[in-house]
Amino acid sequence: MTDNYVTADEAQTRINAAYAAKLDQCGQNNADFFLFVINDVQEPDVRLCEAELLSAACPIKSMPASCFLLFFKKAPGSDIESRY
């Protein structure tokens, strides 16, 4: 396992927290989607997703591509195939 990875659970928690914070900032009460992260992923990928979420224009209508791609990415050397 690389030193620069985030577990799937941690990545999912962080990204959805950033999404909830952005919804609050935009005054949007409802969450239209919840992002699932099924594999351990690299820290820079999680940071990019968080940054793109938090810098998105209001109202937020879609998930940035960097966040969507986390569903398909996997940290190099991860010994966990998938949570699902």
Protein backbone atom coordinates (compact mmCIF):
# COMPACT_ATOMS: atom_id res chain seq x y z
CA MET A 1 0.00 0.00 0.00
CA THR A 2 1.29 3.47 -0.76
CA ASP A 3 1.83 6.02 1.99
CA ASN A 4 -0.27 8.57 0.15
CA TYR A 5 -3.66 6.87 0.15
CA VAL A 6 -6.99 7.41 1.85
CA THR A 7 -9.27 4.55 2.80
CA ALA A 8 -12.55 4.33 0.95
CA ASP A 9 -14.49 5.13 4.13
CA GLU A 10 -12.40 8.21 4.92
CA ALA A 11 -12.56 9.48 1.33
CA GLN A 12 -16.31 9.02 1.20
CA THR A 13 -16.75 10.83 4.54
CA ARG A 14 -14.54 13.76 3.52
CA ILE A 15 -16.11 14.23 0.10
CA ASN A 16 -19.67 14.07 1.35
CA ALA A 17 -18.77 16.51 4.17
CA ALA A 18 -17.41 18.94 1.56
CA TYR A 19 -20.59 18.48 -0.47
CA ALA A 20 -22.78 19.16 2.59
CA ALA A 21 -20.72 22.26 3.42
CA LYS A 22 -21.18 23.56 -0.12
CA LEU A 23 -24.93 22.94 0.02
CA ASP A 24 -25.05 24.93 3.28
CA GLN A 25 -22.99 27.73 1.73
CA CYS A 26 -25.35 27.86 -1.25
CA GLY A 27 -28.47 27.74 0.92
CA GLN A 28 -29.55 24.45 -0.62
CA ASN A 29 -31.37 22.24 1.86
CA ASN A 30 -31.58 19.00 -0.04
CA ALA A 31 -28.85 16.63 -1.07
CA ASP A 32 -29.50 15.37 -4.58
CA PHE A 33 -26.86 12.67 -4.44
CA PHE A 34 -24.41 10.92 -2.16
CA LEU A 35 -21.00 9.94 -3.48
CA PHE A 36 -19.82 6.40 -2.89
CA VAL A 37 -16.11 5.59 -2.87
CA ILE A 38 -15.60 1.85 -3.12
CA ASN A 39 -11.79 1.57 -3.19
CA ASP A 40 -8.91 3.13 -1.32
CA VAL A 41 -7.80 6.17 -3.34
CA GLN A 42 -4.87 8.57 -3.47
CA GLU A 43 -4.87 11.60 -1.17
CA PRO A 44 -4.30 14.14 -4.01
CA ASP A 45 -7.42 12.83 -5.79
CA VAL A 46 -9.51 13.36 -2.65
CA ARG A 47 -8.09 16.86 -2.13
CA LEU A 48 -8.86 17.77 -5.75
CA CYS A 49 -12.45 16.62 -5.38
CA GLU A 50 -12.87 18.55 -2.12
CA ALA A 51 -11.38 21.70 -3.67
CA GLU A 52 -13.56 21.51 -6.78
CA LEU A 53 -16.66 20.96 -4.68
CA LEU A 54 -15.94 23.89 -2.38
CA SER A 55 -15.07 26.24 -5.25
CA ALA A 56 -18.09 25.36 -7.40
CA ALA A 57 -20.57 28.10 -8.23
CA CYS A 58 -23.88 28.27 -6.40
CA PRO A 59 -26.30 26.68 -6.77
CA ILE A 60 -24.42 23.43 -7.05
CA LYS A 61 -26.17 21.21 -9.59
CA SER A 62 -23.72 18.43 -10.33
CA MET A 63 -20.75 16.60 -8.89
CA PRO A 64 -17.37 17.70 -10.31
CA ALA A 65 -15.76 15.16 -12.62
CA SER A 66 -12.84 14.65 -10.23
CA CYS A 67 -15.30 13.43 -7.59
CA PHE A 68 -17.19 11.20 -9.98
CA LEU A 69 -13.94 9.56 -11.09
CA LEU A 70 -13.16 8.50 -7.50
CA PHE A 71 -15.81 5.81 -7.94
CA PHE A 72 -13.53 4.16 -10.51
CA LYS A 73 -10.06 4.91 -9.13
CA LYS A 74 -7.98 2.73 -6.87
CA ALA A 75 -4.80 3.51 -4.94
CA PRO A 76 -1.75 1.76 -6.43
CA GLY A 77 -0.80 -1.28 -4.41
CA SER A 78 -4.11 -1.44 -2.57
CA ASP A 79 -4.73 -4.91 -1.24
CA ILE A 80 -8.45 -4.30 -0.96
CA GLU A 81 -10.37 -5.00 -4.16
CA SER A 82 -13.57 -3.20 -3.25
CA ARG A 83 -15.89 -2.58 -0.35
CA TYR A 84 -18.80 -3.90 -2.44
